Amino acid sequence: MKKFYSLFLAMMLVLGVLAGCGETKTEDNINSGQSTTEEASFPVTIKDASDQEVVIDEKPEKLVSLMPSNTEIVFALGLGDELVGVSDYDNYPAEAAEKEKVGGMEFNVEKIISLNPDVVLAHASSAHNSTEGLQQIRDAGIDVVVVNDAANFEDVYGSIDMIGQATGTTKEAEQLVADMKEKLADIKEKAATISDSNKKSVYIEVSEDPLFTTGKNTFMQEMLDTINASNVFSEEGWIQVDQEAVIAANPDVIITTYGAYAKEEPIDQISSRKGWEDITAVKEKQIVDVDSDMVTRSGPRLVEGVEAIAEAVYPDVFK
């Protein structure tokens, strides 16, 4: 009886400890909005950007990404080792360049299937041109998740959340989004100190021949709004403009995004354009080239893109 009583007390002690752990997790779950058990539990059902319900039975161990933004999100979620294939355009982080390449806009279906991934992360911007190839991958027993073509920061948060769900890293996805929001809030707080009289006008040149700029409902417009700067062009989307329109707009700052692949240094090229010498940005040497990927790729580095543009437009405030 003594042995039985001792065993009974030991069991009750263990149950008490487990109950205590359960209470701690419950408090954490209230704070995070999702339990650790729910995070890691599979199967999961995801309604992707192609409006398909994708059921992923188990946490994927091998991933293929068909878009650089997807790849950057995967690495940011700590899943670089699980990534076995990427698109030809993937260049960040450096480890992405070491992964197997599966093609560009026209991906190699056979190569993807040969890598035997559990999940392929496609993208809505190109999925409509690859319906047959994606179906072949599905027919091979591989789950395909089409990630949304993000048009703003909220959409990017949605992309991160979707990839987090598909890979069993919802907690990491939530933290990544929270970090991005916190950094943007800090930028907005600094930008709020800029008075209307000091607000600068900006022309963003994304292509030199022909001249293309950015307008409403684009990431770069949202970036300009975030830093309290005005865009000299108010049309929607990506806009082709002529030199006369830029000269007439007379921006305070000119930002280019193609320096990495231009034949001629953008700052020198713009400064030497006939008729541009009287533009305020040219006269005051306020022409800055920023990394194209950081300001156009719908992934975690978009916040760095905002910071780069902020420093270019308001160096005294943001540097």
Protein backbone atom coordinates (compact mmCIF):
# COMPACT_ATOMS: atom_id res chain seq x y z
CA MET A 1 0.00 0.00 0.00
CA LYS A 2 2.84 2.39 0.80
CA LYS A 3 4.38 1.67 -2.60
CA PHE A 4 1.02 2.21 -4.26
CA TYR A 5 0.47 5.47 -2.39
CA SER A 6 3.92 6.73 -3.35
CA LEU A 7 3.28 5.85 -6.97
CA PHE A 8 -0.10 7.60 -6.82
CA LEU A 9 1.50 10.80 -5.45
CA ALA A 10 4.17 10.71 -8.14
CA MET A 11 1.54 10.38 -10.86
CA MET A 12 -0.46 13.26 -9.41
CA LEU A 13 2.68 15.41 -9.33
CA VAL A 14 3.41 14.69 -12.98
CA LEU A 15 -0.18 15.47 -13.94
CA GLY A 16 0.02 18.71 -11.98
CA VAL A 17 3.16 19.77 -13.83
CA LEU A 18 1.58 18.93 -17.17
CA ALA A 19 -1.53 20.85 -16.23
CA GLY A 20 0.63 23.81 -15.31
CA CYS A 21 2.40 23.62 -18.67
CA GLY A 22 -0.98 23.52 -20.36
CA GLU A 23 -2.03 26.69 -18.56
CA THR A 24 1.19 28.46 -19.62
CA LYS A 25 0.60 27.50 -23.22
CA THR A 26 -2.97 28.74 -22.99
CA GLU A 27 -1.73 32.18 -21.89
CA ASP A 28 0.77 32.21 -24.76
CA ASN A 29 -1.95 31.16 -27.16
CA ILE A 30 -4.13 34.06 -26.07
CA ASN A 31 -1.25 36.44 -26.74
CA SER A 32 -0.26 34.97 -30.11
CA GLY A 33 -3.74 34.17 -31.34
CA GLN A 34 -2.72 30.63 -32.32
CA SER A 35 -1.52 27.64 -30.34
CA THR A 36 1.75 25.84 -30.88
CA THR A 37 -0.24 22.65 -31.47
CA GLU A 38 -2.36 24.36 -34.12
CA GLU A 39 0.73 25.81 -35.77
CA ALA A 40 2.39 22.47 -36.27
CA SER A 41 -0.77 20.45 -36.95
CA PHE A 42 -1.40 19.00 -40.36
CA PRO A 43 -3.24 18.53 -42.61
CA VAL A 44 -3.91 22.17 -43.43
CA THR A 45 -6.26 23.51 -46.08
CA ILE A 46 -5.27 26.68 -47.90
CA LYS A 47 -7.37 28.62 -50.38
CA ASP A 48 -4.67 29.97 -52.66
CA ALA A 49 -4.59 32.82 -55.18
CA SER A 50 -5.96 30.59 -57.94
CA ASP A 51 -9.05 30.06 -55.77
CA GLN A 52 -8.17 26.41 -55.24
CA GLU A 53 -8.34 24.65 -51.90
CA VAL A 54 -4.99 22.98 -51.37
CA VAL A 55 -4.80 20.28 -48.71
CA ILE A 56 -1.28 19.68 -47.38
CA ASP A 57 -1.25 16.44 -45.40
CA GLU A 58 2.13 16.76 -43.67
CA LYS A 59 4.66 19.45 -42.86
CA PRO A 60 6.70 19.73 -46.08
CA GLU A 61 10.34 18.77 -45.95
CA LYS A 62 11.23 19.83 -49.51
CA LEU A 63 10.10 23.02 -51.27
CA VAL A 64 10.44 24.52 -54.74
CA SER A 65 9.86 28.23 -55.31
CA LEU A 66 8.95 29.65 -58.72
CA MET A 67 9.26 33.33 -57.80
CA PRO A 68 12.08 35.35 -56.15
CA SER A 69 9.69 36.96 -53.68
CA ASN A 70 8.50 33.53 -52.53
CA THR A 71 12.11 32.47 -52.11
CA GLU A 72 12.97 35.49 -49.97
CA ILE A 73 9.97 34.77 -47.75
CA VAL A 74 10.98 31.12 -47.41
CA PHE A 75 14.48 32.09 -46.29
CA ALA A 76 13.11 34.73 -43.91
CA LEU A 77 10.98 32.02 -42.29
CA GLY A 78 14.11 29.95 -41.65
CA LEU A 79 13.37 27.34 -44.31
CA GLY A 80 16.42 27.75 -46.54
CA ASP A 81 17.53 24.16 -46.00
CA GLU A 82 14.14 22.84 -47.13
CA LEU A 83 14.35 24.74 -50.42
CA VAL A 84 15.56 22.35 -53.15
CA GLY A 85 14.74 24.40 -56.27
CA VAL A 86 14.31 28.05 -57.26
CA SER A 87 13.69 30.12 -60.37
CA ASP A 88 16.49 31.37 -62.61
CA TYR A 89 15.97 34.90 -61.28
CA ASP A 90 16.52 34.14 -57.61
CA ASN A 91 19.55 36.04 -56.31
CA TYR A 92 18.82 36.77 -52.65
CA PRO A 93 19.98 35.72 -50.19
CA ALA A 94 23.30 34.48 -51.55
CA GLU A 95 22.37 30.90 -50.67
CA ALA A 96 19.52 31.06 -53.19
CA ALA A 97 22.03 31.17 -56.04
CA GLU A 98 23.37 27.79 -54.92
CA LYS A 99 20.00 26.05 -55.24
CA GLU A 100 18.94 23.99 -58.26
CA LYS A 101 17.46 26.20 -60.98
CA VAL A 102 14.11 25.15 -62.44
CA GLY A 103 13.67 27.78 -65.16
CA GLY A 104 12.26 31.25 -65.52
CA MET A 105 8.81 32.29 -66.71
CA GLU A 106 8.71 28.93 -68.49
CA PHE A 107 9.75 26.53 -65.77
CA ASN A 108 11.03 23.00 -66.35
CA VAL A 109 8.25 20.67 -65.19
CA GLU A 110 10.39 17.54 -65.45
CA LYS A 111 13.17 19.11 -63.40
CA ILE A 112 10.73 20.17 -60.69
CA ILE A 113 9.19 16.70 -60.48
CA SER A 114 12.65 15.10 -60.37
CA LEU A 115 13.49 17.15 -57.25
CA ASN A 116 10.56 15.39 -55.55
CA PRO A 117 9.32 18.39 -53.53
CA ASP A 118 6.39 18.17 -51.16
CA VAL A 119 5.15 21.65 -52.06
CA VAL A 120 5.73 23.97 -55.03
CA LEU A 121 5.20 27.67 -54.33
CA ALA A 122 3.95 29.23 -57.56
CA HIS A 123 2.87 32.85 -58.07
CA ALA A 124 -0.33 34.45 -59.36
CA SER A 125 1.57 36.84 -61.64
CA SER A 126 2.63 33.93 -63.86
CA ALA A 127 0.37 31.02 -62.91
CA HIS A 128 -2.23 31.88 -65.54
CA ASN A 129 0.44 31.33 -68.22
CA SER A 130 1.51 28.01 -66.71
CA THR A 131 -1.75 26.21 -66.01
CA GLU A 132 -0.78 23.03 -67.86
CA GLY A 133 2.65 22.81 -66.24
CA LEU A 134 1.24 23.36 -62.76
CA GLN A 135 -1.40 20.72 -63.38
CA GLN A 136 1.30 18.24 -64.44
CA ILE A 137 3.03 18.90 -61.12
CA ARG A 138 -0.23 18.32 -59.24
CA ASP A 139 -0.83 15.12 -61.22
CA ALA A 140 2.59 13.92 -60.03
CA GLY A 141 1.27 14.06 -56.47
CA ILE A 142 2.97 17.35 -55.53
CA ASP A 143 1.01 20.08 -53.78
CA VAL A 144 1.00 23.43 -55.58
CA VAL A 145 0.24 26.65 -53.71
CA VAL A 146 -0.27 29.75 -55.88
CA VAL A 147 0.80 32.76 -53.81
CA ASN A 148 -1.02 36.05 -54.42
CA ASP A 149 0.44 38.78 -56.64
CA ALA A 150 0.82 41.42 -53.95
CA ALA A 151 -0.01 45.02 -54.86
CA ASN A 152 0.59 46.59 -51.46
CA PHE A 153 2.06 45.87 -48.04
CA GLU A 154 -1.13 44.24 -46.75
CA ASP A 155 -0.99 41.82 -49.67
CA VAL A 156 2.65 41.03 -48.83
CA TYR A 157 1.62 40.22 -45.28
CA GLY A 158 -0.97 37.89 -46.77
CA SER A 159 1.69 36.18 -48.91
CA ILE A 160 3.89 35.63 -45.87
CA ASP A 161 0.94 34.26 -43.92
CA MET A 162 0.01 31.85 -46.73
CA ILE A 163 3.54 30.49 -47.06
CA GLY A 164 3.73 30.22 -43.27
CA GLN A 165 0.56 28.12 -43.22
CA ALA A 166 1.76 25.90 -46.07
CA THR A 167 5.07 25.20 -44.36
CA GLY A 168 4.01 24.92 -40.73
CA THR A 169 5.75 28.16 -39.74
CA THR A 170 2.79 30.36 -38.85
CA LYS A 171 4.46 31.59 -35.68
CA GLU A 172 7.55 32.69 -37.62
CA ALA A 173 5.31 34.30 -40.26
CA GLU A 174 3.43 36.27 -37.62
CA GLN A 175 6.71 37.48 -36.13
CA LEU A 176 8.08 38.46 -39.54
CA VAL A 177 4.98 40.51 -40.33
CA ALA A 178 5.07 42.11 -36.87
CA ASP A 179 8.71 43.10 -37.38
CA MET A 180 7.93 44.64 -40.78
CA LYS A 181 5.01 46.61 -39.35
CA GLU A 182 7.13 47.86 -36.47
CA LYS A 183 9.86 49.11 -38.81
CA LEU A 184 7.30 50.83 -41.03
CA ALA A 185 5.74 52.47 -37.98
CA ASP A 186 9.15 53.86 -37.01
CA ILE A 187 9.61 55.27 -40.51
CA LYS A 188 6.15 56.86 -40.44
CA GLU A 189 6.90 58.40 -37.06
CA LYS A 190 10.01 60.09 -38.44
CA ALA A 191 8.15 61.14 -41.60
CA ALA A 192 5.45 62.80 -39.50
CA THR A 193 8.03 65.38 -38.43
CA ILE A 194 8.33 66.65 -42.02
CA SER A 195 6.25 69.77 -42.47
CA ASP A 196 4.17 70.48 -45.57
CA SER A 197 6.55 73.28 -46.50
CA ASN A 198 9.45 70.82 -46.54
CA LYS A 199 7.61 68.04 -48.35
CA LYS A 200 9.50 66.99 -51.48
CA SER A 201 8.25 65.92 -54.90
CA VAL A 202 9.75 62.79 -56.42
CA TYR A 203 10.08 61.27 -59.88
CA ILE A 204 10.90 57.54 -59.86
CA GLU A 205 12.41 56.28 -63.10
CA VAL A 206 12.09 52.52 -63.42
CA SER A 207 13.13 52.36 -67.07
CA GLU A 208 15.20 54.70 -69.23
CA ASP A 209 14.26 53.56 -72.74
CA PRO A 210 11.36 54.03 -72.93
CA LEU A 211 10.83 56.18 -69.85
CA PHE A 212 8.61 54.44 -67.32
CA THR A 213 7.62 55.61 -63.87
CA THR A 214 5.33 54.47 -61.08
CA GLY A 215 1.89 55.76 -60.16
CA LYS A 216 -1.01 54.95 -57.88
CA ASN A 217 -1.59 51.44 -56.52
CA THR A 218 2.05 50.39 -56.72
CA PHE A 219 4.54 49.57 -53.99
CA MET A 220 6.63 52.60 -54.72
CA GLN A 221 3.65 54.93 -54.46
CA GLU A 222 2.88 53.40 -51.06
CA MET A 223 6.52 53.93 -50.11
CA LEU A 224 6.34 57.61 -51.06
CA ASP A 225 3.15 57.99 -49.03
CA THR A 226 4.86 56.30 -46.07
CA ILE A 227 7.76 58.78 -46.05
CA ASN A 228 5.53 61.82 -46.62
CA ALA A 229 6.74 62.60 -50.14
CA SER A 230 4.65 63.35 -53.23
CA ASN A 231 4.79 61.63 -56.60
CA VAL A 232 4.97 64.04 -59.55
CA PHE A 233 2.79 61.63 -61.57
CA SER A 234 -0.68 60.71 -60.34
CA GLU A 235 -1.87 58.22 -62.96
CA GLU A 236 -2.44 54.61 -61.94
CA GLY A 237 0.00 51.73 -62.27
CA TRP A 238 3.19 51.75 -64.33
CA ILE A 239 3.21 54.80 -66.60
CA GLN A 240 5.14 55.53 -69.78
CA VAL A 241 6.08 59.22 -69.88
CA ASP A 242 8.00 61.54 -72.16
CA GLN A 243 10.88 63.80 -71.24
CA GLU A 244 8.79 66.96 -71.59
CA ALA A 245 6.38 65.70 -68.92
CA VAL A 246 9.23 65.09 -66.48
CA ILE A 247 10.76 68.50 -67.18
CA ALA A 248 7.39 70.16 -66.63
CA ALA A 249 6.87 68.24 -63.37
CA ASN A 250 10.23 69.58 -62.07
CA PRO A 251 10.79 67.04 -59.25
CA ASP A 252 12.89 67.86 -56.20
CA VAL A 253 14.36 64.34 -56.22
CA ILE A 254 14.87 61.76 -58.96
CA ILE A 255 15.17 58.09 -57.99
CA THR A 256 16.23 55.39 -60.44
CA THR A 257 15.94 51.64 -59.97
CA TYR A 258 17.96 50.18 -62.85
CA GLY A 259 21.56 51.05 -62.00
CA ALA A 260 22.57 47.41 -61.50
CA TYR A 261 21.96 46.54 -65.16
CA ALA A 262 22.24 49.89 -66.98
CA LYS A 263 24.92 50.38 -69.61
CA GLU A 264 25.62 53.87 -68.30
CA GLU A 265 25.56 55.16 -64.72
CA PRO A 266 21.98 56.51 -64.30
CA ILE A 267 23.05 59.63 -62.41
CA ASP A 268 25.48 60.67 -65.15
CA GLN A 269 23.04 59.73 -67.88
CA ILE A 270 20.16 61.76 -66.40
CA SER A 271 22.38 64.73 -65.57
CA SER A 272 23.48 64.96 -69.21
CA ARG A 273 20.02 64.82 -70.79
CA LYS A 274 19.29 67.85 -72.92
CA GLY A 275 16.68 70.10 -71.32
CA TRP A 276 16.93 68.43 -67.90
CA GLU A 277 19.58 70.80 -66.57
CA ASP A 278 16.94 73.15 -65.11
CA ILE A 279 15.10 70.44 -63.17
CA THR A 280 15.55 71.05 -59.45
CA ALA A 281 16.77 67.50 -58.79
CA VAL A 282 19.43 67.81 -61.49
CA LYS A 283 20.57 71.28 -60.45
CA GLU A 284 20.86 70.26 -56.81
CA LYS A 285 22.31 66.82 -57.60
CA GLN A 286 19.45 65.00 -55.95
CA ILE A 287 19.54 61.90 -58.16
CA VAL A 288 19.84 58.56 -56.37
CA ASP A 289 19.85 54.99 -57.65
CA VAL A 290 18.31 52.34 -55.35
CA ASP A 291 18.29 48.56 -55.49
CA SER A 292 15.45 47.54 -57.80
CA ASP A 293 14.76 44.26 -55.99
CA MET A 294 14.23 45.99 -52.65
CA VAL A 295 11.54 48.31 -54.00
CA THR A 296 9.73 45.99 -56.42
CA ARG A 297 10.04 42.46 -55.02
CA SER A 298 7.04 41.68 -52.83
CA GLY A 299 8.91 40.18 -49.91
CA PRO A 300 10.34 41.07 -46.50
CA ARG A 301 12.99 43.44 -47.93
CA LEU A 302 10.36 45.95 -49.03
CA VAL A 303 10.86 47.69 -45.70
CA GLU A 304 14.54 48.12 -46.59
CA GLY A 305 13.34 49.62 -49.85
CA VAL A 306 11.27 52.17 -47.95
CA GLU A 307 14.32 53.03 -45.86
CA ALA A 308 16.46 53.45 -49.00
CA ILE A 309 13.93 55.79 -50.60
CA ALA A 310 13.50 57.69 -47.34
CA GLU A 311 17.25 58.30 -47.10
CA ALA A 312 17.36 59.37 -50.74
CA VAL A 313 14.53 61.89 -50.39
CA TYR A 314 15.08 63.13 -46.83
CA PRO A 315 18.71 62.37 -45.91
CA ASP A 316 18.71 64.84 -43.02
CA VAL A 317 15.73 63.09 -41.41
CA PHE A 318 16.49 59.44 -42.06
CA LYS A 319 20.27 59.17 -42.04
